[in-house]
Amino acid sequence: MKEIYQEIYQSIKSNKSKLPAAPDIGMKILSALNKPDGDVKQIVKIIENDAGLVAFIIKTARSVRFLTRSAPKDLESAVLRIGMRETYHLSIAFLSRAVYNSSNRDVLKHLREARKFSTKLAVISYFLAGAVSRIPPSQALLAGLFQDIGVPAVLVALEKYPDILNDDDKRNACLDALATHVGALMLQQWGFDDLLEVVKSRKNWAMDNQSAGLADLILVARLHAMIGTKEFRECPPLHKLPAFAKYNFGELGPNNTLQVLNDAQQEIAEIEALLSA
């Protein structure tokens, strides 16, 4: 790790107490889920404390992804439609979208870009998981959102290093060097140790696990989320990713995207809009 990167990392690590805490409502939902007598009514009571989350859960339950003959009329029926565990994952994803902010215009610009990319990655992960049937889609959505959880903390720290912050190549190199380390710090602090491998495998295109897992799926999703970016030109072809070979996604579409994503464009746009609201 370059000396300057080490300096930035140590400044973040020495001020871990200033890293944002895990969303309180999300932790309360998890606590209710883990109780022997935990039920939908307890989860609904917790969610009702956040009007934005209530609206998100109800709108999600009414989306194309979950809609059946009749739309859920209230929060309780929405949670029943989605499922308690999925509601937990979706709640954490919604509540943790914007845990960072800044009064610095340059930092804020990059924070918004990072948030937009993480949302896109999360939604693509969600739909790919639905296609392979090995991983719960809501868990994949959360993993996709959290793979770059360390990025905002690094961007905020770069306010003191404008020469790195305002140079695309230098900023991206710094993020690539530090995002996994800072992300691991945050996940351990939040109690999401089960997602550490997802964060540590960020852009590790050569990763070759023995069996297909969540980290592999997020890598495949990440490559698709990067399509159209400057960085994408530097990535290996999808078919050369060991992670891709572990899943049976079928044939690639004409635009180098998976057919499952082409078929789900309406649903993808809908869930992405809900998370970005």
C-alpha atoms as a PDB file:
ATOM      1  CA  MET A   1       0.000   0.000   0.000  1.00  0.00           C
ATOM      2  CA  LYS A   2       1.435   3.356  -0.987  1.00  0.00           C
ATOM      3  CA  GLU A   3       2.488   5.620   1.858  1.00  0.00           C
ATOM      4  CA  ILE A   4      -0.240   8.165   1.086  1.00  0.00           C
ATOM      5  CA  TYR A   5      -2.895   5.420   1.023  1.00  0.00           C
ATOM      6  CA  GLN A   6      -1.621   4.105   4.342  1.00  0.00           C
ATOM      7  CA  GLU A   7      -1.894   7.616   5.776  1.00  0.00           C
ATOM      8  CA  ILE A   8      -5.510   7.959   4.594  1.00  0.00           C
ATOM      9  CA  TYR A   9      -6.431   4.488   5.857  1.00  0.00           C
ATOM     10  CA  GLN A  10      -4.906   5.095   9.278  1.00  0.00           C
ATOM     11  CA  SER A  11      -6.809   8.380   9.593  1.00  0.00           C
ATOM     12  CA  ILE A  12     -10.070   6.504   8.959  1.00  0.00           C
ATOM     13  CA  LYS A  13      -9.156   3.543  11.171  1.00  0.00           C
ATOM     14  CA  SER A  14      -8.105   5.737  14.091  1.00  0.00           C
ATOM     15  CA  ASN A  15     -11.499   7.449  13.951  1.00  0.00           C
ATOM     16  CA  LYS A  16     -13.659   4.326  13.635  1.00  0.00           C
ATOM     17  CA  SER A  17     -16.084   5.790  16.166  1.00  0.00           C
ATOM     18  CA  LYS A  18     -16.929   8.448  13.550  1.00  0.00           C
ATOM     19  CA  LEU A  19     -17.927   5.859  10.963  1.00  0.00           C
ATOM     20  CA  PRO A  20     -21.711   5.744  10.593  1.00  0.00           C
ATOM     21  CA  ALA A  21     -23.581   3.224  12.715  1.00  0.00           C
ATOM     22  CA  ALA A  22     -25.746   0.500  11.235  1.00  0.00           C
ATOM     23  CA  PRO A  23     -29.348   1.660  10.682  1.00  0.00           C
ATOM     24  CA  ASP A  24     -31.095   1.330  14.049  1.00  0.00           C
ATOM     25  CA  ILE A  25     -34.456   0.300  12.606  1.00  0.00           C
ATOM     26  CA  GLY A  26     -32.788  -2.394  10.519  1.00  0.00           C
ATOM     27  CA  MET A  27     -31.091  -3.830  13.608  1.00  0.00           C
ATOM     28  CA  LYS A  28     -34.416  -3.843  15.457  1.00  0.00           C
ATOM     29  CA  ILE A  29     -36.052  -5.759  12.603  1.00  0.00           C
ATOM     30  CA  LEU A  30     -33.241  -8.330  12.755  1.00  0.00           C
ATOM     31  CA  SER A  31     -33.693  -8.650  16.515  1.00  0.00           C
ATOM     32  CA  ALA A  32     -37.412  -9.287  16.038  1.00  0.00           C
ATOM     33  CA  LEU A  33     -36.693 -11.861  13.335  1.00  0.00           C
ATOM     34  CA  ASN A  34     -34.343 -13.750  15.645  1.00  0.00           C
ATOM     35  CA  LYS A  35     -36.860 -13.991  18.485  1.00  0.00           C
ATOM     36  CA  PRO A  36     -38.729 -17.309  18.777  1.00  0.00           C
ATOM     37  CA  ASP A  37     -41.994 -15.385  18.866  1.00  0.00           C
ATOM     38  CA  GLY A  38     -41.012 -12.810  16.239  1.00  0.00           C
ATOM     39  CA  ASP A  39     -43.839 -12.179  13.785  1.00  0.00           C
ATOM     40  CA  VAL A  40     -45.070  -9.805  11.109  1.00  0.00           C
ATOM     41  CA  LYS A  41     -46.874  -7.527  13.563  1.00  0.00           C
ATOM     42  CA  GLN A  42     -43.643  -6.874  15.492  1.00  0.00           C
ATOM     43  CA  ILE A  43     -41.796  -6.026  12.297  1.00  0.00           C
ATOM     44  CA  VAL A  44     -44.599  -3.739  11.141  1.00  0.00           C
ATOM     45  CA  LYS A  45     -44.523  -1.892  14.470  1.00  0.00           C
ATOM     46  CA  ILE A  46     -40.780  -1.243  14.035  1.00  0.00           C
ATOM     47  CA  ILE A  47     -41.042  -0.106  10.413  1.00  0.00           C
ATOM     48  CA  GLU A  48     -43.881   2.288  11.247  1.00  0.00           C
ATOM     49  CA  ASN A  49     -41.325   4.535  12.970  1.00  0.00           C
ATOM     50  CA  ASP A  50     -39.906   5.567   9.587  1.00  0.00           C
ATOM     51  CA  ALA A  51     -42.394   7.031   7.118  1.00  0.00           C
ATOM     52  CA  GLY A  52     -39.956   6.785   4.208  1.00  0.00           C
ATOM     53  CA  LEU A  53     -39.343   3.103   4.861  1.00  0.00           C
ATOM     54  CA  VAL A  54     -43.072   2.429   5.144  1.00  0.00           C
ATOM     55  CA  ALA A  55     -43.631   3.983   1.722  1.00  0.00           C
ATOM     56  CA  PHE A  56     -40.699   2.047   0.242  1.00  0.00           C
ATOM     57  CA  ILE A  57     -41.901  -1.342   1.527  1.00  0.00           C
ATOM     58  CA  ILE A  58     -45.477  -0.786   0.356  1.00  0.00           C
ATOM     59  CA  LYS A  59     -44.382   0.477  -3.076  1.00  0.00           C
ATOM     60  CA  THR A  60     -41.969  -2.448  -3.438  1.00  0.00           C
ATOM     61  CA  ALA A  61     -44.725  -4.917  -2.569  1.00  0.00           C
ATOM     62  CA  ARG A  62     -46.859  -3.301  -5.274  1.00  0.00           C
ATOM     63  CA  SER A  63     -44.072  -3.464  -7.871  1.00  0.00           C
ATOM     64  CA  VAL A  64     -44.059  -5.827 -10.826  1.00  0.00           C
ATOM     65  CA  ARG A  65     -41.689  -8.112  -8.938  1.00  0.00           C
ATOM     66  CA  PHE A  66     -44.207  -8.985  -6.229  1.00  0.00           C
ATOM     67  CA  LEU A  67     -47.558  -8.024  -7.692  1.00  0.00           C
ATOM     68  CA  THR A  68     -50.212 -10.710  -7.971  1.00  0.00           C
ATOM     69  CA  ARG A  69     -53.927 -10.229  -8.622  1.00  0.00           C
ATOM     70  CA  SER A  70     -54.429  -7.630  -5.910  1.00  0.00           C
ATOM     71  CA  ALA A  71     -52.030  -5.016  -4.555  1.00  0.00           C
ATOM     72  CA  PRO A  72     -51.345  -5.006  -0.780  1.00  0.00           C
ATOM     73  CA  LYS A  73     -53.424  -2.305   0.915  1.00  0.00           C
ATOM     74  CA  ASP A  74     -51.291  -1.650   3.994  1.00  0.00           C
ATOM     75  CA  LEU A  75     -47.860  -2.234   5.528  1.00  0.00           C
ATOM     76  CA  GLU A  76     -48.752  -5.561   7.160  1.00  0.00           C
ATOM     77  CA  SER A  77     -50.045  -7.059   3.936  1.00  0.00           C
ATOM     78  CA  ALA A  78     -46.969  -5.672   2.142  1.00  0.00           C
ATOM     79  CA  VAL A  79     -44.589  -7.424   4.569  1.00  0.00           C
ATOM     80  CA  LEU A  80     -46.596 -10.641   4.195  1.00  0.00           C
ATOM     81  CA  ARG A  81     -46.347 -10.343   0.411  1.00  0.00           C
ATOM     82  CA  ILE A  82     -42.588  -9.727   0.425  1.00  0.00           C
ATOM     83  CA  GLY A  83     -41.681 -12.017   3.336  1.00  0.00           C
ATOM     84  CA  MET A  84     -40.131 -11.128   6.687  1.00  0.00           C
ATOM     85  CA  ARG A  85     -36.521 -11.972   5.796  1.00  0.00           C
ATOM     86  CA  GLU A  86     -36.746 -10.160   2.458  1.00  0.00           C
ATOM     87  CA  THR A  87     -38.309  -7.176   4.224  1.00  0.00           C
ATOM     88  CA  TYR A  88     -35.306  -7.066   6.555  1.00  0.00           C
ATOM     89  CA  HIS A  89     -32.804  -7.104   3.694  1.00  0.00           C
ATOM     90  CA  LEU A  90     -34.751  -4.513   1.716  1.00  0.00           C
ATOM     91  CA  SER A  91     -35.065  -2.299   4.802  1.00  0.00           C
ATOM     92  CA  ILE A  92     -31.320  -2.358   5.468  1.00  0.00           C
ATOM     93  CA  ALA A  93     -30.671  -1.586   1.815  1.00  0.00           C
ATOM     94  CA  PHE A  94     -33.085   1.366   1.842  1.00  0.00           C
ATOM     95  CA  LEU A  95     -31.904   2.807   5.171  1.00  0.00           C
ATOM     96  CA  SER A  96     -28.191   2.564   4.411  1.00  0.00           C
ATOM     97  CA  ARG A  97     -28.296   4.251   0.997  1.00  0.00           C
ATOM     98  CA  ALA A  98     -27.138   7.633   2.228  1.00  0.00           C
ATOM     99  CA  VAL A  99     -25.249   7.200   5.496  1.00  0.00           C
ATOM    100  CA  TYR A 100     -22.680   9.740   4.296  1.00  0.00           C
ATOM    101  CA  ASN A 101     -23.007  13.370   3.289  1.00  0.00           C
ATOM    102  CA  SER A 102     -20.642  16.288   2.891  1.00  0.00           C
ATOM    103  CA  SER A 103     -20.671  20.057   2.678  1.00  0.00           C
ATOM    104  CA  ASN A 104     -17.807  19.875   0.184  1.00  0.00           C
ATOM    105  CA  ARG A 105     -19.249  20.155  -3.328  1.00  0.00           C
ATOM    106  CA  ASP A 106     -16.607  17.963  -4.941  1.00  0.00           C
ATOM    107  CA  VAL A 107     -16.966  15.241  -2.312  1.00  0.00           C
ATOM    108  CA  LEU A 108     -20.760  15.418  -2.529  1.00  0.00           C
ATOM    109  CA  LYS A 109     -20.626  15.000  -6.306  1.00  0.00           C
ATOM    110  CA  HIS A 110     -18.564  11.820  -5.995  1.00  0.00           C
ATOM    111  CA  LEU A 111     -20.719  10.526  -3.146  1.00  0.00           C
ATOM    112  CA  ARG A 112     -23.786  10.825  -5.372  1.00  0.00           C
ATOM    113  CA  GLU A 113     -22.018   9.018  -8.202  1.00  0.00           C
ATOM    114  CA  ALA A 114     -20.921   6.244  -5.830  1.00  0.00           C
ATOM    115  CA  ARG A 115     -24.454   5.924  -4.455  1.00  0.00           C
ATOM    116  CA  LYS A 116     -25.895   5.705  -7.966  1.00  0.00           C
ATOM    117  CA  PHE A 117     -23.451   2.966  -8.944  1.00  0.00           C
ATOM    118  CA  SER A 118     -24.026   0.975  -5.743  1.00  0.00           C
ATOM    119  CA  THR A 119     -27.785   1.116  -6.321  1.00  0.00           C
ATOM    120  CA  LYS A 120     -27.349  -0.122  -9.883  1.00  0.00           C
ATOM    121  CA  LEU A 121     -25.055  -2.921  -8.714  1.00  0.00           C
ATOM    122  CA  ALA A 122     -27.511  -3.920  -5.989  1.00  0.00           C
ATOM    123  CA  VAL A 123     -30.470  -4.132  -8.368  1.00  0.00           C
ATOM    124  CA  ILE A 124     -28.552  -6.143 -10.990  1.00  0.00           C
ATOM    125  CA  SER A 125     -27.386  -8.495  -8.222  1.00  0.00           C
ATOM    126  CA  TYR A 126     -30.993  -8.875  -7.115  1.00  0.00           C
ATOM    127  CA  PHE A 127     -32.199  -9.991 -10.524  1.00  0.00           C
ATOM    128  CA  LEU A 128     -29.261 -12.258 -11.258  1.00  0.00           C
ATOM    129  CA  ALA A 129     -29.869 -14.045  -7.961  1.00  0.00           C
ATOM    130  CA  GLY A 130     -33.475 -14.586  -8.988  1.00  0.00           C
ATOM    131  CA  ALA A 131     -32.252 -16.279 -12.162  1.00  0.00           C
ATOM    132  CA  VAL A 132     -29.883 -18.770 -10.516  1.00  0.00           C
ATOM    133  CA  SER A 133     -32.119 -19.768  -7.573  1.00  0.00           C
ATOM    134  CA  ARG A 134     -29.195 -20.456  -5.224  1.00  0.00           C
ATOM    135  CA  ILE A 135     -29.131 -17.163  -3.343  1.00  0.00           C
ATOM    136  CA  PRO A 136     -32.097 -15.179  -1.963  1.00  0.00           C
ATOM    137  CA  PRO A 137     -32.484 -12.103  -4.206  1.00  0.00           C
ATOM    138  CA  SER A 138     -32.861  -9.736  -1.256  1.00  0.00           C
ATOM    139  CA  GLN A 139     -29.569 -11.006   0.209  1.00  0.00           C
ATOM    140  CA  ALA A 140     -27.878 -10.422  -3.143  1.00  0.00           C
ATOM    141  CA  LEU A 141     -29.338  -6.901  -3.285  1.00  0.00           C
ATOM    142  CA  LEU A 142     -27.856  -6.101   0.118  1.00  0.00           C
ATOM    143  CA  ALA A 143     -24.507  -7.640  -0.832  1.00  0.00           C
ATOM    144  CA  GLY A 144     -24.417  -5.628  -4.061  1.00  0.00           C
ATOM    145  CA  LEU A 145     -25.155  -2.434  -2.162  1.00  0.00           C
ATOM    146  CA  PHE A 146     -22.528  -3.199   0.476  1.00  0.00           C
ATOM    147  CA  GLN A 147     -19.650  -4.225  -1.802  1.00  0.00           C
ATOM    148  CA  ASP A 148     -18.681  -0.544  -2.046  1.00  0.00           C
ATOM    149  CA  ILE A 149     -19.666   0.375   1.508  1.00  0.00           C
ATOM    150  CA  GLY A 150     -16.132   1.609   2.158  1.00  0.00           C
ATOM    151  CA  VAL A 151     -16.114   3.982  -0.821  1.00  0.00           C
ATOM    152  CA  PRO A 152     -18.016   6.894   0.801  1.00  0.00           C
ATOM    153  CA  ALA A 153     -15.722   6.885   3.856  1.00  0.00           C
ATOM    154  CA  VAL A 154     -12.664   7.114   1.611  1.00  0.00           C
ATOM    155  CA  LEU A 155     -14.236   9.904  -0.454  1.00  0.00           C
ATOM    156  CA  VAL A 156     -14.998  11.926   2.679  1.00  0.00           C
ATOM    157  CA  ALA A 157     -11.400  11.423   3.876  1.00  0.00           C
ATOM    158  CA  LEU A 158     -10.135  12.667   0.489  1.00  0.00           C
ATOM    159  CA  GLU A 159     -11.504  16.136   1.230  1.00  0.00           C
ATOM    160  CA  LYS A 160      -8.067  16.731   2.782  1.00  0.00           C
ATOM    161  CA  TYR A 161      -6.366  15.453  -0.376  1.00  0.00           C
ATOM    162  CA  PRO A 162      -7.911  17.519  -3.228  1.00  0.00           C
ATOM    163  CA  ASP A 163      -5.153  16.531  -5.667  1.00  0.00           C
ATOM    164  CA  ILE A 164      -6.337  12.905  -5.385  1.00  0.00           C
ATOM    165  CA  LEU A 165     -10.050  13.687  -5.081  1.00  0.00           C
ATOM    166  CA  ASN A 166     -10.212  15.780  -8.232  1.00  0.00           C
ATOM    167  CA  ASP A 167      -8.119  13.529 -10.466  1.00  0.00           C
ATOM    168  CA  ASP A 168     -10.165  10.611 -11.838  1.00  0.00           C
ATOM    169  CA  ASP A 169      -7.228   8.220 -12.182  1.00  0.00           C
ATOM    170  CA  LYS A 170      -5.724   9.047  -8.790  1.00  0.00           C
ATOM    171  CA  ARG A 171      -9.119   8.899  -7.050  1.00  0.00           C
ATOM    172  CA  ASN A 172     -10.019   5.537  -8.585  1.00  0.00           C
ATOM    173  CA  ALA A 173      -6.598   4.112  -7.737  1.00  0.00           C
ATOM    174  CA  CYS A 174      -7.028   5.256  -4.139  1.00  0.00           C
ATOM    175  CA  LEU A 175     -10.518   3.764  -3.935  1.00  0.00           C
ATOM    176  CA  ASP A 176      -9.276   0.471  -5.365  1.00  0.00           C
ATOM    177  CA  ALA A 177      -6.496   0.392  -2.773  1.00  0.00           C
ATOM    178  CA  LEU A 178      -8.614   1.303   0.256  1.00  0.00           C
ATOM    179  CA  ALA A 179     -12.309   0.521  -0.331  1.00  0.00           C
ATOM    180  CA  THR A 180     -12.019  -3.153   0.614  1.00  0.00           C
ATOM    181  CA  HIS A 181     -10.090  -2.434   3.817  1.00  0.00           C
ATOM    182  CA  VAL A 182     -12.417   0.347   4.956  1.00  0.00           C
ATOM    183  CA  GLY A 183     -15.469  -1.649   3.873  1.00  0.00           C
ATOM    184  CA  ALA A 184     -14.322  -4.570   6.025  1.00  0.00           C
ATOM    185  CA  LEU A 185     -13.958  -2.226   9.000  1.00  0.00           C
ATOM    186  CA  MET A 186     -17.512  -0.989   8.546  1.00  0.00           C
ATOM    187  CA  LEU A 187     -19.076  -4.418   8.043  1.00  0.00           C
ATOM    188  CA  GLN A 188     -17.394  -5.757  11.174  1.00  0.00           C
ATOM    189  CA  GLN A 189     -18.603  -2.724  13.095  1.00  0.00           C
ATOM    190  CA  TRP A 190     -22.134  -3.222  11.745  1.00  0.00           C
ATOM    191  CA  GLY A 191     -22.145  -6.956  12.454  1.00  0.00           C
ATOM    192  CA  PHE A 192     -22.308  -8.109   8.806  1.00  0.00           C
ATOM    193  CA  ASP A 193     -19.349 -10.477   8.918  1.00  0.00           C
ATOM    194  CA  ASP A 194     -21.156 -12.797   6.485  1.00  0.00           C
ATOM    195  CA  LEU A 195     -20.646 -10.196   3.735  1.00  0.00           C
ATOM    196  CA  LEU A 196     -16.906  -9.685   4.305  1.00  0.00           C
ATOM    197  CA  GLU A 197     -15.926 -11.915   1.386  1.00  0.00           C
ATOM    198  CA  VAL A 198     -18.167  -9.886  -0.926  1.00  0.00           C
ATOM    199  CA  VAL A 199     -16.375  -6.673   0.047  1.00  0.00           C
ATOM    200  CA  LYS A 200     -12.901  -8.191  -0.057  1.00  0.00           C
ATOM    201  CA  SER A 201     -13.502  -9.608  -3.542  1.00  0.00           C
ATOM    202  CA  ARG A 202     -14.298  -6.173  -5.029  1.00  0.00           C
ATOM    203  CA  LYS A 203     -12.819  -6.137  -8.585  1.00  0.00           C
ATOM    204  CA  ASN A 204     -10.958  -9.385  -7.918  1.00  0.00           C
ATOM    205  CA  TRP A 205     -11.830 -10.678 -11.365  1.00  0.00           C
ATOM    206  CA  ALA A 206      -9.500 -13.676 -11.072  1.00  0.00           C
ATOM    207  CA  MET A 207     -11.161 -14.953  -7.890  1.00  0.00           C
ATOM    208  CA  ASP A 208     -11.771 -18.672  -8.232  1.00  0.00           C
ATOM    209  CA  ASN A 209     -13.637 -20.184  -5.302  1.00  0.00           C
ATOM    210  CA  GLN A 210     -14.313 -23.910  -5.147  1.00  0.00           C
ATOM    211  CA  SER A 211     -18.071 -23.423  -5.407  1.00  0.00           C
ATOM    212  CA  ALA A 212     -20.388 -20.694  -6.589  1.00  0.00           C
ATOM    213  CA  GLY A 213     -21.263 -18.284  -3.807  1.00  0.00           C
ATOM    214  CA  LEU A 214     -22.531 -14.798  -3.109  1.00  0.00           C
ATOM    215  CA  ALA A 215     -19.167 -13.120  -3.794  1.00  0.00           C
ATOM    216  CA  ASP A 216     -19.011 -14.736  -7.251  1.00  0.00           C
ATOM    217  CA  LEU A 217     -22.500 -13.535  -8.121  1.00  0.00           C
ATOM    218  CA  ILE A 218     -21.720  -9.945  -7.085  1.00  0.00           C
ATOM    219  CA  LEU A 219     -18.565  -9.940  -9.232  1.00  0.00           C
ATOM    220  CA  VAL A 220     -20.625 -10.940 -12.289  1.00  0.00           C
ATOM    221  CA  ALA A 221     -23.190  -8.265 -11.429  1.00  0.00           C
ATOM    222  CA  ARG A 222     -20.444  -5.682 -10.959  1.00  0.00           C
ATOM    223  CA  LEU A 223     -19.044  -6.259 -14.415  1.00  0.00           C
ATOM    224  CA  HIS A 224     -22.513  -5.659 -15.869  1.00  0.00           C
ATOM    225  CA  ALA A 225     -23.013  -2.543 -13.756  1.00  0.00           C
ATOM    226  CA  MET A 226     -19.751  -1.156 -15.165  1.00  0.00           C
ATOM    227  CA  ILE A 227     -20.864  -1.432 -18.801  1.00  0.00           C
ATOM    228  CA  GLY A 228     -20.607   1.986 -20.433  1.00  0.00           C
ATOM    229  CA  THR A 229     -18.003   3.312 -17.993  1.00  0.00           C
ATOM    230  CA  LYS A 230     -14.381   4.166 -18.713  1.00  0.00           C
ATOM    231  CA  GLU A 231     -13.269   1.427 -16.315  1.00  0.00           C
ATOM    232  CA  PHE A 232     -15.238  -1.237 -18.174  1.00  0.00           C
ATOM    233  CA  ARG A 233     -12.745  -1.108 -21.058  1.00  0.00           C
ATOM    234  CA  GLU A 234     -10.060  -2.266 -18.651  1.00  0.00           C
ATOM    235  CA  CYS A 235     -12.074  -5.246 -17.367  1.00  0.00           C
ATOM    236  CA  PRO A 236     -11.671  -8.820 -18.615  1.00  0.00           C
ATOM    237  CA  PRO A 237     -14.375 -10.301 -20.872  1.00  0.00           C
ATOM    238  CA  LEU A 238     -17.251 -11.775 -18.912  1.00  0.00           C
ATOM    239  CA  HIS A 239     -16.688 -15.316 -20.162  1.00  0.00           C
ATOM    240  CA  LYS A 240     -13.136 -15.244 -18.750  1.00  0.00           C
ATOM    241  CA  LEU A 241     -14.328 -14.656 -15.190  1.00  0.00           C
ATOM    242  CA  PRO A 242     -14.072 -17.855 -13.113  1.00  0.00           C
ATOM    243  CA  ALA A 243     -17.065 -16.509 -11.164  1.00  0.00           C
ATOM    244  CA  PHE A 244     -19.191 -16.438 -14.328  1.00  0.00           C
ATOM    245  CA  ALA A 245     -18.326 -20.039 -15.229  1.00  0.00           C
ATOM    246  CA  LYS A 246     -19.687 -21.255 -11.893  1.00  0.00           C
ATOM    247  CA  TYR A 247     -23.233 -20.170 -12.745  1.00  0.00           C
ATOM    248  CA  ASN A 248     -25.460 -21.304 -15.576  1.00  0.00           C
ATOM    249  CA  PHE A 249     -26.683 -17.941 -16.859  1.00  0.00           C
ATOM    250  CA  GLY A 250     -27.291 -19.068 -20.406  1.00  0.00           C
ATOM    251  CA  GLU A 251     -26.221 -17.283 -23.571  1.00  0.00           C
ATOM    252  CA  LEU A 252     -25.038 -13.703 -23.623  1.00  0.00           C
ATOM    253  CA  GLY A 253     -27.264 -11.209 -25.373  1.00  0.00           C
ATOM    254  CA  PRO A 254     -26.164  -9.155 -28.400  1.00  0.00           C
ATOM    255  CA  ASN A 255     -25.222  -6.179 -26.222  1.00  0.00           C
ATOM    256  CA  ASN A 256     -23.012  -8.263 -23.932  1.00  0.00           C
ATOM    257  CA  THR A 257     -25.625  -8.303 -21.209  1.00  0.00           C
ATOM    258  CA  LEU A 258     -27.338 -11.349 -19.823  1.00  0.00           C
ATOM    259  CA  GLN A 259     -30.687 -12.091 -21.389  1.00  0.00           C
ATOM    260  CA  VAL A 260     -32.242 -12.268 -17.939  1.00  0.00           C
ATOM    261  CA  LEU A 261     -31.395  -8.585 -17.431  1.00  0.00           C
ATOM    262  CA  ASN A 262     -32.778  -7.631 -20.821  1.00  0.00           C
ATOM    263  CA  ASP A 263     -36.014  -9.436 -20.007  1.00  0.00           C
ATOM    264  CA  ALA A 264     -36.306  -7.705 -16.635  1.00  0.00           C
ATOM    265  CA  GLN A 265     -35.628  -4.117 -17.751  1.00  0.00           C
ATOM    266  CA  GLN A 266     -38.974  -2.824 -16.459  1.00  0.00           C
ATOM    267  CA  GLU A 267     -38.542  -4.486 -13.074  1.00  0.00           C
ATOM    268  CA  ILE A 268     -34.931  -3.326 -12.791  1.00  0.00           C
ATOM    269  CA  ALA A 269     -35.883   0.270 -13.535  1.00  0.00           C
ATOM    270  CA  GLU A 270     -38.744   0.089 -11.038  1.00  0.00           C
ATOM    271  CA  ILE A 271     -36.684  -1.279  -8.112  1.00  0.00           C
ATOM    272  CA  GLU A 272     -33.789   1.081  -8.907  1.00  0.00           C
ATOM    273  CA  ALA A 273     -36.162   4.051  -8.828  1.00  0.00           C
ATOM    274  CA  LEU A 274     -37.610   2.925  -5.491  1.00  0.00           C
ATOM    275  CA  LEU A 275     -34.140   2.603  -3.918  1.00  0.00           C
ATOM    276  CA  SER A 276     -33.064   5.958  -5.344  1.00  0.00           C
ATOM    277  CA  ALA A 277     -36.122   7.860  -4.120  1.00  0.00           C
END
